[in-house]
Protein backbone atom coordinates (compact mmCIF):
# COMPACT_ATOMS: atom_id res chain seq x y z
CA MET A 1 -3.55 -1.25 -8.61
CA THR A 2 -2.52 -1.43 -11.77
CA ASP A 3 0.78 -1.68 -13.12
CA SER A 4 2.52 1.64 -14.20
CA GLY A 5 4.02 0.65 -17.92
CA MET A 6 6.99 -0.07 -15.48
CA ALA A 7 8.23 -3.52 -17.22
CA VAL A 8 10.39 -4.91 -14.24
CA ALA A 9 12.79 -7.38 -15.36
CA GLN A 10 15.14 -9.91 -14.08
CA GLN A 11 18.94 -9.13 -14.33
CA ASN A 12 20.06 -12.29 -16.42
CA ASP A 13 17.49 -10.54 -19.00
CA PRO A 14 20.13 -9.41 -22.07
CA THR A 15 17.64 -6.88 -23.20
CA VAL A 16 18.47 -5.12 -19.86
CA ALA A 17 21.04 -2.03 -20.09
CA SER A 18 23.32 -1.51 -17.70
CA HIS A 19 23.86 1.09 -15.17
CA PRO A 20 26.87 1.50 -13.14
CA ALA A 21 25.84 5.00 -11.87
CA LEU A 22 23.18 2.60 -10.19
CA ASP A 23 25.54 0.11 -8.75
CA ALA A 24 27.83 2.70 -7.70
CA MET A 25 25.32 4.56 -5.50
CA LEU A 26 24.13 1.49 -4.30
CA GLY A 27 28.21 0.77 -3.03
CA GLU A 28 28.16 4.29 -1.23
CA LEU A 29 25.20 3.48 0.53
CA LYS A 30 26.03 0.53 1.79
CA ALA A 31 29.13 1.71 2.84
CA ALA A 32 27.63 4.97 4.25
CA HIS A 33 25.25 2.40 6.37
CA SER A 34 28.46 0.55 7.57
CA ARG A 35 30.38 3.30 8.71
CA ASN A 36 26.88 4.37 10.96
CA ALA A 37 25.18 1.25 11.27
CA VAL A 38 22.35 2.03 14.08
CA PRO A 39 21.75 5.53 13.86
CA SER A 40 21.09 7.51 17.04
CA LEU A 41 17.07 8.21 17.92
CA LYS A 42 18.40 11.96 17.49
CA GLU A 43 19.90 11.59 14.02
CA ARG A 44 16.69 10.16 12.67
CA ARG A 45 14.40 12.47 14.20
CA ARG A 46 16.55 15.71 12.96
CA ILE A 47 16.53 13.64 9.34
CA LEU A 48 13.23 13.47 9.79
CA ALA A 49 12.68 17.16 10.80
CA ALA A 50 14.92 18.23 7.54
CA MET A 51 12.11 16.39 5.34
CA LEU A 52 9.25 18.16 7.28
CA ASP A 53 11.06 21.80 6.74
CA GLY A 54 11.66 20.70 3.13
CA LEU A 55 7.75 19.68 2.83
CA LYS A 56 5.83 22.91 3.87
CA VAL A 57 8.80 25.00 1.73
CA HIS A 58 7.82 23.08 -1.28
CA GLU A 59 4.31 22.77 -0.58
CA ASP A 60 2.69 24.87 -3.67
CA ALA A 61 5.34 23.24 -5.84
CA LEU A 62 3.96 19.79 -4.89
CA LEU A 63 0.14 20.95 -5.00
CA GLU A 64 0.51 22.34 -8.69
CA ALA A 65 2.39 19.32 -9.94
CA LEU A 66 -0.54 17.10 -9.10
CA ALA A 67 -2.76 19.49 -10.00
CA HIS A 68 -0.85 19.15 -13.69
CA ASP A 69 -0.06 15.47 -13.98
CA LEU A 70 -3.35 13.99 -12.82
CA GLY A 71 -5.87 17.11 -12.94
CA LYS A 72 -6.43 16.81 -8.44
CA SER A 73 -8.21 20.29 -7.02
CA GLU A 74 -6.17 21.74 -4.40
CA PRO A 75 -8.52 19.93 -1.32
CA GLU A 76 -8.13 16.68 -2.76
CA ALA A 77 -4.35 17.11 -3.05
CA ARG A 78 -4.32 18.41 0.32
CA LEU A 79 -6.73 15.87 1.92
CA THR A 80 -5.48 12.96 0.34
CA GLU A 81 -1.38 13.51 -0.25
CA TYR A 82 -0.44 16.63 2.03
CA PHE A 83 -1.72 16.37 4.75
CA PRO A 84 -1.05 12.73 5.52
CA ILE A 85 2.18 13.22 4.58
CA ARG A 86 3.03 15.48 6.80
CA LYS A 87 0.88 14.32 9.92
CA GLU A 88 3.00 10.54 9.13
CA ILE A 89 6.37 12.86 9.30
CA GLN A 90 5.14 14.29 13.01
CA PHE A 91 3.46 10.77 13.95
CA VAL A 92 6.60 9.03 13.62
CA ARG A 93 9.06 11.57 15.05
CA ARG A 94 6.60 11.37 18.11
CA ASN A 95 6.37 7.54 18.67
CA LEU A 96 10.02 6.53 17.26
CA GLY A 97 11.38 6.36 20.62
CA ASP A 98 8.94 3.85 22.20
CA TRP A 99 9.36 1.82 18.47
CA MET A 100 13.17 1.58 19.02
CA ARG A 101 13.61 0.82 22.70
CA PRO A 102 14.01 -3.42 22.77
CA ASP A 103 11.24 -5.07 23.54
CA ARG A 104 11.78 -7.26 26.89
CA ARG A 105 10.09 -10.75 26.21
CA PRO A 106 9.28 -13.29 29.37
CA THR A 107 11.80 -15.56 29.71
CA PRO A 108 10.77 -19.26 30.20
CA LEU A 109 11.66 -21.15 33.60
CA HIS A 110 14.01 -24.15 31.49
CA LEU A 111 15.69 -20.25 31.05
CA LEU A 112 16.04 -19.39 34.45
CA GLY A 113 18.81 -16.69 34.88
CA THR A 114 18.58 -14.87 32.12
CA VAL A 115 16.86 -11.88 29.52
CA SER A 116 15.30 -12.58 26.74
CA GLU A 117 14.66 -9.02 24.05
CA ILE A 118 13.82 -7.98 20.63
CA VAL A 119 16.40 -5.30 19.38
CA PRO A 120 14.98 -3.58 16.04
CA GLN A 121 17.99 -2.75 13.94
CA PRO A 122 18.44 -1.59 10.48
CA LYS A 123 18.25 -3.50 7.51
CA GLY A 124 20.71 -1.01 5.20
CA VAL A 125 19.37 0.31 2.09
CA VAL A 126 15.85 -0.45 0.90
CA LEU A 127 14.63 0.42 -2.16
CA VAL A 128 11.51 2.29 -2.65
CA ILE A 129 8.99 2.28 -6.04
CA SER A 130 5.60 3.90 -6.13
CA PRO A 131 3.17 3.90 -8.73
CA TRP A 132 1.80 7.72 -10.27
CA ASN A 133 -1.81 7.21 -8.54
CA PHE A 134 -0.80 9.00 -5.31
CA PRO A 135 2.84 9.81 -6.44
CA LEU A 136 3.40 12.24 -3.02
CA LEU A 137 1.48 9.94 -0.53
CA LEU A 138 3.09 6.76 -1.89
CA THR A 139 6.21 7.55 -2.49
CA ILE A 140 7.17 9.07 0.62
CA LYS A 141 5.45 7.31 3.14
CA PRO A 142 7.49 4.23 2.68
CA VAL A 143 10.79 6.71 2.85
CA ILE A 144 9.43 8.08 6.33
CA SER A 145 9.57 4.56 7.33
CA ALA A 146 12.44 3.53 5.82
CA ILE A 147 14.21 6.61 7.65
CA ALA A 148 12.95 5.75 10.92
CA ALA A 149 14.03 2.63 10.68
CA GLY A 150 17.68 3.67 10.33
CA ASN A 151 18.04 2.49 6.86
CA ARG A 152 19.33 4.69 3.48
CA VAL A 153 16.92 4.67 0.93
CA VAL A 154 16.93 4.91 -2.93
CA VAL A 155 13.82 5.72 -4.36
CA LYS A 156 12.76 5.81 -7.58
CA PRO A 157 9.02 8.07 -7.93
CA PRO A 158 6.91 7.24 -10.81
CA GLU A 159 7.62 8.27 -14.59
CA HIS A 160 4.13 8.86 -15.54
CA THR A 161 3.76 11.99 -13.12
CA PRO A 162 6.54 13.89 -14.27
CA GLU A 163 5.76 17.41 -12.96
CA THR A 164 5.29 15.88 -9.02
CA SER A 165 8.37 13.58 -9.17
CA LYS A 166 10.33 16.05 -10.32
CA VAL A 167 9.66 18.02 -7.12
CA MET A 168 9.71 15.52 -4.78
CA ALA A 169 13.34 14.73 -6.39
CA GLU A 170 13.98 18.51 -5.69
CA TRP A 171 12.92 18.30 -2.08
CA LEU A 172 14.35 15.25 -0.98
CA THR A 173 17.93 16.15 -2.59
CA ALA A 174 17.64 19.75 -1.16
CA SER A 175 16.49 18.65 2.67
CA LEU A 176 18.06 15.54 2.99
CA PRO A 177 22.17 14.19 3.26
CA ASP A 178 23.13 12.54 0.23
CA ASP A 179 24.55 9.56 2.29
CA TRP A 180 20.65 8.93 3.41
CA VAL A 181 19.11 9.00 0.57
CA GLN A 182 19.15 9.12 -3.27
CA VAL A 183 16.41 9.95 -5.88
CA VAL A 184 16.59 7.74 -9.30
CA MET A 185 14.65 9.39 -12.28
CA GLY A 186 14.17 7.22 -15.20
CA GLY A 187 11.35 4.82 -16.20
CA PRO A 188 11.60 0.98 -17.06
CA ALA A 189 15.32 0.27 -17.37
CA GLU A 190 16.40 2.04 -14.67
CA ALA A 191 13.38 0.18 -12.79
CA ALA A 192 14.37 -3.05 -13.65
CA HIS A 193 17.94 -2.69 -13.05
CA LEU A 194 17.39 -1.53 -9.31
CA THR A 195 15.21 -4.42 -8.73
CA GLY A 196 18.09 -6.70 -9.63
CA LEU A 197 20.52 -5.03 -6.91
CA PRO A 198 20.99 -6.46 -3.42
CA PHE A 199 19.59 -4.26 -1.71
CA ASP A 200 18.37 -5.00 1.81
CA HIS A 201 14.70 -4.58 1.83
CA ILE A 202 12.35 -3.57 -1.65
CA PHE A 203 9.29 -1.52 -0.81
CA PHE A 204 7.50 -2.09 -4.30
CA THR A 205 3.89 -0.48 -4.72
CA GLY A 206 1.95 -1.13 -7.84
CA GLY A 207 0.18 -3.65 -10.10
CA THR A 208 0.12 -7.58 -9.40
CA VAL A 209 1.65 -8.37 -12.94
CA THR A 210 4.96 -5.92 -12.01
CA GLY A 211 5.07 -7.15 -8.52
CA ARG A 212 5.63 -10.16 -9.34
CA LYS A 213 8.07 -9.39 -11.64
CA VAL A 214 9.75 -7.56 -8.93
CA MET A 215 9.75 -10.33 -6.63
CA GLN A 216 11.45 -12.63 -9.47
CA ALA A 217 13.91 -10.35 -9.55
CA ALA A 218 14.48 -9.95 -5.64
CA ALA A 219 14.59 -13.40 -5.43
CA ALA A 220 17.99 -13.91 -6.76
CA HIS A 221 19.36 -11.95 -3.90
CA LEU A 222 16.89 -13.29 -1.42
CA THR A 223 16.24 -9.68 -0.97
CA PRO A 224 12.86 -8.96 1.06
CA LEU A 225 9.72 -7.51 -0.16
CA THR A 226 7.31 -5.04 1.05
CA LEU A 227 4.46 -5.69 -1.89
CA GLU A 228 0.95 -3.25 -2.05
CA LEU A 229 -0.58 -4.05 -5.26
CA GLY A 230 -4.31 -3.88 -5.75
CA GLY A 231 -7.30 -6.63 -6.72
CA LYS A 232 -11.07 -5.74 -7.02
CA SER A 233 -12.06 -4.72 -3.69
CA PRO A 234 -15.66 -5.06 -3.37
CA ALA A 235 -18.62 -3.50 -1.38
CA ILE A 236 -21.06 -5.40 -0.34
CA ILE A 237 -24.58 -3.18 0.46
CA ASP A 238 -27.83 -4.58 2.13
CA GLY A 239 -31.25 -2.96 2.65
CA THR A 240 -30.71 -2.16 6.44
CA MET A 241 -28.64 1.23 5.68
CA SER A 242 -29.97 4.29 4.37
CA PRO A 243 -29.25 4.55 0.89
CA ALA A 244 -27.91 8.35 0.69
CA LYS A 245 -25.31 6.99 3.79
CA VAL A 246 -24.07 4.51 1.40
CA ALA A 247 -24.06 6.39 -1.32
CA SER A 248 -22.46 9.22 0.24
CA ARG A 249 -19.05 7.06 1.00
CA VAL A 250 -19.14 4.80 -2.24
CA ALA A 251 -19.51 7.90 -4.39
CA TRP A 252 -16.53 9.51 -2.91
CA GLY A 253 -14.31 6.60 -2.84
CA LYS A 254 -15.03 5.52 -6.74
CA ALA A 255 -14.60 9.40 -7.96
CA LEU A 256 -11.63 9.89 -5.63
CA ASN A 257 -8.75 10.46 -7.88
CA ALA A 258 -11.04 9.66 -11.01
CA GLY A 259 -11.39 6.40 -9.66
CA GLN A 260 -7.33 5.43 -9.69
CA VAL A 261 -7.43 4.38 -6.55
CA CYS A 262 -6.39 0.75 -5.43
CA ILE A 263 -8.79 0.63 -2.32
CA ALA A 264 -11.44 2.13 -4.09
CA PRO A 265 -14.57 0.40 -4.37
CA ASP A 266 -14.21 -1.78 -7.01
CA TYR A 267 -17.35 -3.42 -7.73
CA LEU A 268 -20.97 -3.09 -5.74
CA LEU A 269 -22.54 -6.50 -4.65
CA ILE A 270 -26.09 -5.14 -3.59
CA GLU A 271 -28.72 -6.80 -1.99
CA GLU A 272 -31.34 -7.03 -5.07
CA ASP A 273 -34.22 -4.94 -3.53
CA ALA A 274 -31.98 -2.34 -2.34
CA ALA A 275 -30.48 -1.83 -5.37
CA ASP A 276 -32.07 0.54 -7.51
CA SER A 277 -32.37 3.20 -3.84
CA VAL A 278 -28.95 2.62 -3.54
CA LEU A 279 -27.90 3.36 -6.91
CA LYS A 280 -30.19 6.67 -7.42
CA ALA A 281 -28.46 7.69 -4.38
CA VAL A 282 -24.96 7.05 -5.70
CA MET A 283 -26.17 9.09 -8.90
CA ASP A 284 -27.43 11.80 -7.03
CA ARG A 285 -24.36 12.66 -5.41
CA TRP A 286 -22.04 12.59 -7.71
CA THR A 287 -24.89 15.25 -9.44
CA LEU A 288 -24.38 17.39 -5.95
CA CYS A 289 -20.64 16.89 -5.39
CA PHE A 290 -20.07 17.85 -9.32
CA ASP A 291 -22.81 20.28 -9.88
CA GLY A 292 -24.32 18.06 -12.62
CA ASP A 293 -21.66 17.84 -14.47
CA ALA A 294 -18.11 16.10 -13.88
CA GLY A 295 -16.96 17.22 -17.12
CA SER A 296 -16.38 20.85 -16.19
CA SER A 297 -15.97 20.49 -12.36
CA PRO A 298 -12.60 21.51 -10.74
CA GLU A 299 -13.39 19.07 -8.21
CA TYR A 300 -12.92 15.90 -10.16
CA GLY A 301 -9.53 14.40 -11.95
CA ARG A 302 -8.46 12.99 -14.82
CA ILE A 303 -7.07 9.77 -16.01
CA VAL A 304 -2.94 9.94 -15.50
CA ASN A 305 -2.40 9.07 -19.59
CA ASP A 306 -3.31 7.83 -22.49
CA ALA A 307 -2.72 4.12 -22.27
CA GLN A 308 -4.57 4.41 -19.21
CA PHE A 309 -7.52 6.18 -20.85
CA ASP A 310 -7.38 4.05 -23.68
CA ARG A 311 -7.61 0.97 -21.40
CA LEU A 312 -10.42 2.01 -19.47
CA VAL A 313 -12.17 2.81 -22.86
CA ASP A 314 -11.65 -1.01 -24.25
CA THR A 315 -12.54 -1.44 -20.78
CA LEU A 316 -16.11 0.16 -20.76
CA GLU A 317 -16.69 -0.77 -24.81
CA ASP A 318 -16.12 -4.66 -23.93
CA ALA A 319 -18.61 -4.67 -21.03
CA VAL A 320 -21.77 -2.93 -23.58
CA ALA A 321 -20.82 -5.60 -26.06
CA LYS A 322 -21.48 -7.94 -23.88
CA GLY A 323 -24.52 -6.77 -22.62
CA ALA A 324 -23.70 -4.20 -19.69
CA GLN A 325 -26.16 -1.87 -19.47
CA VAL A 326 -24.72 1.98 -18.99
CA VAL A 327 -26.78 3.03 -15.87
CA CYS A 328 -25.48 6.69 -15.83
CA GLY A 329 -22.39 7.98 -17.41
CA GLY A 330 -20.21 6.29 -20.28
CA GLN A 331 -19.22 9.54 -21.78
CA TYR A 332 -15.48 10.50 -22.03
CA ASP A 333 -13.16 12.57 -24.17
CA LYS A 334 -9.74 11.58 -24.96
CA ALA A 335 -8.27 15.21 -25.77
CA THR A 336 -8.52 16.41 -22.13
CA ARG A 337 -8.60 12.23 -20.92
CA PHE A 338 -12.09 12.41 -19.12
CA MET A 339 -13.82 9.75 -18.36
CA ALA A 340 -17.47 10.38 -16.32
CA PRO A 341 -18.19 8.15 -13.56
CA THR A 342 -20.05 5.33 -14.90
CA ILE A 343 -22.70 2.82 -13.08
CA LEU A 344 -22.77 -0.34 -15.16
CA ARG A 345 -25.40 -3.12 -14.82
CA GLU A 346 -26.05 -6.83 -16.14
CA VAL A 347 -22.81 -7.48 -15.46
CA THR A 348 -21.43 -11.02 -16.06
CA MET A 349 -17.94 -12.66 -15.01
CA ASP A 350 -16.75 -12.98 -18.41
CA MET A 351 -16.66 -9.10 -18.96
CA ARG A 352 -12.97 -7.29 -18.49
CA VAL A 353 -14.56 -4.91 -16.03
CA MET A 354 -14.70 -8.06 -13.92
CA GLN A 355 -11.70 -9.67 -15.41
CA GLU A 356 -9.37 -7.06 -13.89
CA GLU A 357 -8.90 -4.44 -11.00
CA VAL A 358 -10.86 -1.29 -12.82
CA PHE A 359 -8.74 1.44 -11.59
CA GLY A 360 -10.74 3.93 -12.98
CA PRO A 361 -14.41 5.70 -12.86
CA LEU A 362 -16.25 2.43 -13.99
CA LEU A 363 -18.59 0.95 -10.97
CA PRO A 364 -20.07 -2.44 -12.10
CA VAL A 365 -22.77 -4.26 -10.30
CA LEU A 366 -23.84 -7.50 -8.89
CA THR A 367 -26.47 -8.36 -6.98
CA TRP A 368 -28.19 -10.77 -4.38
CA ARG A 369 -31.06 -12.30 -2.23
CA ASP A 370 -29.96 -14.40 0.09
CA PRO A 371 -26.53 -13.10 2.33
CA GLU A 372 -24.96 -16.74 2.27
CA GLU A 373 -24.65 -15.94 -1.45
CA VAL A 374 -21.57 -12.88 -0.87
CA GLY A 375 -18.77 -14.74 0.37
CA PRO A 376 -18.81 -17.04 -2.53
CA LYS A 377 -19.45 -14.17 -5.06
CA VAL A 378 -16.30 -12.40 -3.69
CA ALA A 379 -14.45 -15.74 -3.69
CA GLU A 380 -15.78 -16.02 -7.29
CA VAL A 381 -14.08 -12.84 -8.46
CA LYS A 382 -9.90 -13.38 -9.65
CA ASP A 383 -7.40 -13.04 -6.78
CA GLN A 384 -7.71 -11.85 -3.17
CA PRO A 385 -8.68 -8.04 -2.51
CA LEU A 386 -6.65 -5.30 -1.22
CA SER A 387 -9.77 -3.99 0.77
CA LEU A 388 -13.40 -5.40 1.63
CA TYR A 389 -16.62 -2.41 2.44
CA LEU A 390 -20.06 -3.83 4.35
CA PHE A 391 -22.33 -1.97 4.84
CA SER A 392 -25.26 -2.94 6.87
CA SER A 393 -26.71 -2.57 10.02
CA ASN A 394 -27.10 -6.29 10.71
CA LYS A 395 -24.75 -7.74 12.98
CA LYS A 396 -24.69 -11.00 12.44
CA ARG A 397 -24.86 -10.64 9.06
CA LEU A 398 -21.66 -8.45 9.27
CA ALA A 399 -19.93 -11.24 11.17
CA ARG A 400 -20.92 -14.08 8.59
CA TRP A 401 -19.62 -11.85 5.84
CA MET A 402 -16.28 -11.02 7.73
CA ASP A 403 -15.58 -14.90 8.54
CA THR A 404 -16.89 -15.76 5.28
CA THR A 405 -14.46 -13.64 3.03
CA ARG A 406 -10.72 -12.80 3.03
CA SER A 407 -9.01 -9.57 2.39
CA GLY A 408 -5.84 -6.90 3.45
CA THR A 409 -8.42 -4.65 4.66
CA VAL A 410 -11.87 -4.09 6.29
CA GLY A 411 -14.34 -0.76 6.02
CA VAL A 412 -17.29 -0.95 7.86
CA GLY A 413 -19.46 1.65 7.28
CA GLU A 414 -16.80 3.74 5.30
CA VAL A 415 -14.79 3.52 2.44
CA VAL A 416 -10.93 4.15 1.56
CA VAL A 417 -10.26 6.02 5.28
CA GLN A 418 -8.94 2.77 6.86
CA VAL A 419 -5.65 3.62 4.92
CA SER A 420 -4.93 7.09 7.09
CA ASN A 421 -5.02 5.47 10.47
CA PRO A 422 -0.92 5.75 10.95
CA ASP A 423 -1.75 2.96 13.97
CA LEU A 424 -3.46 0.55 11.43
CA PRO A 425 -0.75 -1.80 9.68
CA PHE A 426 -2.14 -1.57 6.06
CA GLY A 427 -1.43 -4.01 3.38
CA GLY A 428 -3.10 -7.04 1.19
CA ILE A 429 -3.09 -10.53 1.02
CA GLN A 430 -1.64 -12.80 -1.66
CA ALA A 431 -2.10 -11.20 -4.82
CA SER A 432 -2.98 -7.82 -3.46
CA GLY A 433 0.31 -7.70 -1.79
CA MET A 434 2.75 -9.05 1.28
CA GLY A 435 3.88 -7.33 4.26
CA ARG A 436 2.37 -4.05 5.65
CA SER A 437 2.84 -0.38 6.21
CA ASN A 438 1.83 2.11 7.98
CA GLY A 439 3.13 3.69 11.32
CA ARG A 440 4.85 1.22 13.81
CA ALA A 441 4.03 -1.62 11.19
CA ALA A 442 6.26 -0.34 8.74
CA PHE A 443 9.03 0.66 11.22
CA GLU A 444 9.22 -2.85 11.82
CA ALA A 445 9.20 -4.38 8.68
CA LEU A 446 12.34 -2.33 7.47
CA SER A 447 13.92 -3.04 10.66
CA ASN A 448 15.72 -6.49 11.58
CA GLN A 449 14.14 -7.92 14.66
CA ARG A 450 16.98 -9.05 15.89
CA SER A 451 16.26 -12.15 19.00
CA VAL A 452 18.72 -11.01 21.48
CA ILE A 453 19.19 -13.63 24.57
CA ARG A 454 21.61 -12.11 27.41
CA LYS A 455 23.04 -13.94 30.73
CA GLY A 456 21.29 -11.62 33.77
CA TRP A 457 22.12 -13.68 36.74
CA PRO A 458 25.64 -15.44 37.82
CA LEU A 459 23.72 -18.91 37.92
CA THR A 460 21.22 -19.97 35.26
CA SER A 461 19.76 -23.15 34.45
CA VAL A 462 21.34 -23.19 30.84
CA PRO A 463 24.24 -25.69 32.33
CA ILE A 464 21.85 -28.58 33.01
CA SER A 465 22.29 -29.17 29.16
CA PHE A 466 26.37 -29.17 28.93
CA GLY A 467 27.70 -32.86 29.59
CA PRO A 468 28.53 -35.27 30.94
CA PHE A 469 25.45 -36.83 31.99
CA HIS A 470 26.13 -38.84 34.99
CA PRO A 471 23.19 -40.86 35.99
CA ALA A 472 21.53 -37.91 38.41
CA LYS A 473 21.85 -35.35 35.99
CA ALA A 474 20.08 -38.00 33.38
CA ARG A 475 17.61 -38.37 35.80
CA LEU A 476 16.96 -34.49 36.13
CA VAL A 477 16.70 -34.10 32.56
CA ARG A 478 14.12 -36.74 32.43
CA TRP A 479 12.54 -35.65 34.78
CA LEU A 480 12.90 -31.61 33.37
CA SER A 481 11.24 -33.04 30.63
CA ARG A 482 8.24 -34.49 31.35
CA TYR A 483 7.46 -32.08 33.91
CA LEU A 484 8.68 -28.86 33.64
């Protein structure tokens, strides 16, 4: 995921302005947490119900804002932003009682007479900083998880989608108690200040460069982090599958939100003999989906701002200047921030399109002849990918590719949709992120998993550890340490 322009800085940087109002806000939320450190299941479910009611009230305004900020069609906005949020709230409310229940663990023989369990408790106050590409989805999902875990929340929505952020702020402010959730509008200065405050957890979604800065700022207070970043997510394709079936997935995943998706197929790694047929099928699919002209199609989005548009144009021009061949697309219009879905062949690793996450509708293509080339080729690309997609009917080949590659998530025969299952943890590896979100995984990440051992019986084996160790007791300890 590319950086949103939010230059998060360390607090000892003299250029970072002070924000006493933000300091006071955090203090008030910490005080609220202290007054009610472990909110009941009933209270948490009530807050989430109010959140769901508010979502329904602001439905039309949110959809209109997404269309204004990103050119998202109503069907796309509903399927990729509104619907997942509604389902996440319902899923969390339904399962929250089970998640909050203490998790009883087996007690070893040497602790006979005790009971062991893990009790999830709120961490305190959580900071959520979100990106602009899916501003509703990626802002609200961690807020849902933080509330479910019993935390108070400060939300910093993206400044690059101002209409959507404005409606989200109105929704959260109107629906939720201010001693539970506070929204901070603003840009880099506010974000920089927030990340240097002593929050109990920071949940950041954005680019790898900014993620490193967030981590540096959080280190001052040893604040734990969830980082959802990005990377170059490959789609590995061989000739054993129908090109049309592969293309229906790849074409959709790459054109979704005009390619501004952190888990979109970033580049294709295709078996050489299958490349022509697969690429033709992708182009045919785009023609079908956008009625032959993505520029005039209401189903195709726009680049979020001029800075991102210029970055993509520079990336395209760099590739062409270094010998890349534009197979289809290549058209763009700065006035409307339109960039056509574009396939690039004859791509080399020194091109910017292979050095950075694309985060747009450019699709570079690499090829292979021997399946054993795939793992090393993926490893050659900078950083570990957030997602990896495999298209093959050969089970041995799929297993081999799974073993020789690394990524945060995998889709076999599908793209992007792995994030939509709330029972599947979602997150990256190394530079593509740390920690997990979605459903129970996010609840656990935003809870203190408190280990508890209790004396269960009047007599326990623990006193064996107490001195003094007379000869008989010393012999017993010696025997137990050898044979128990």
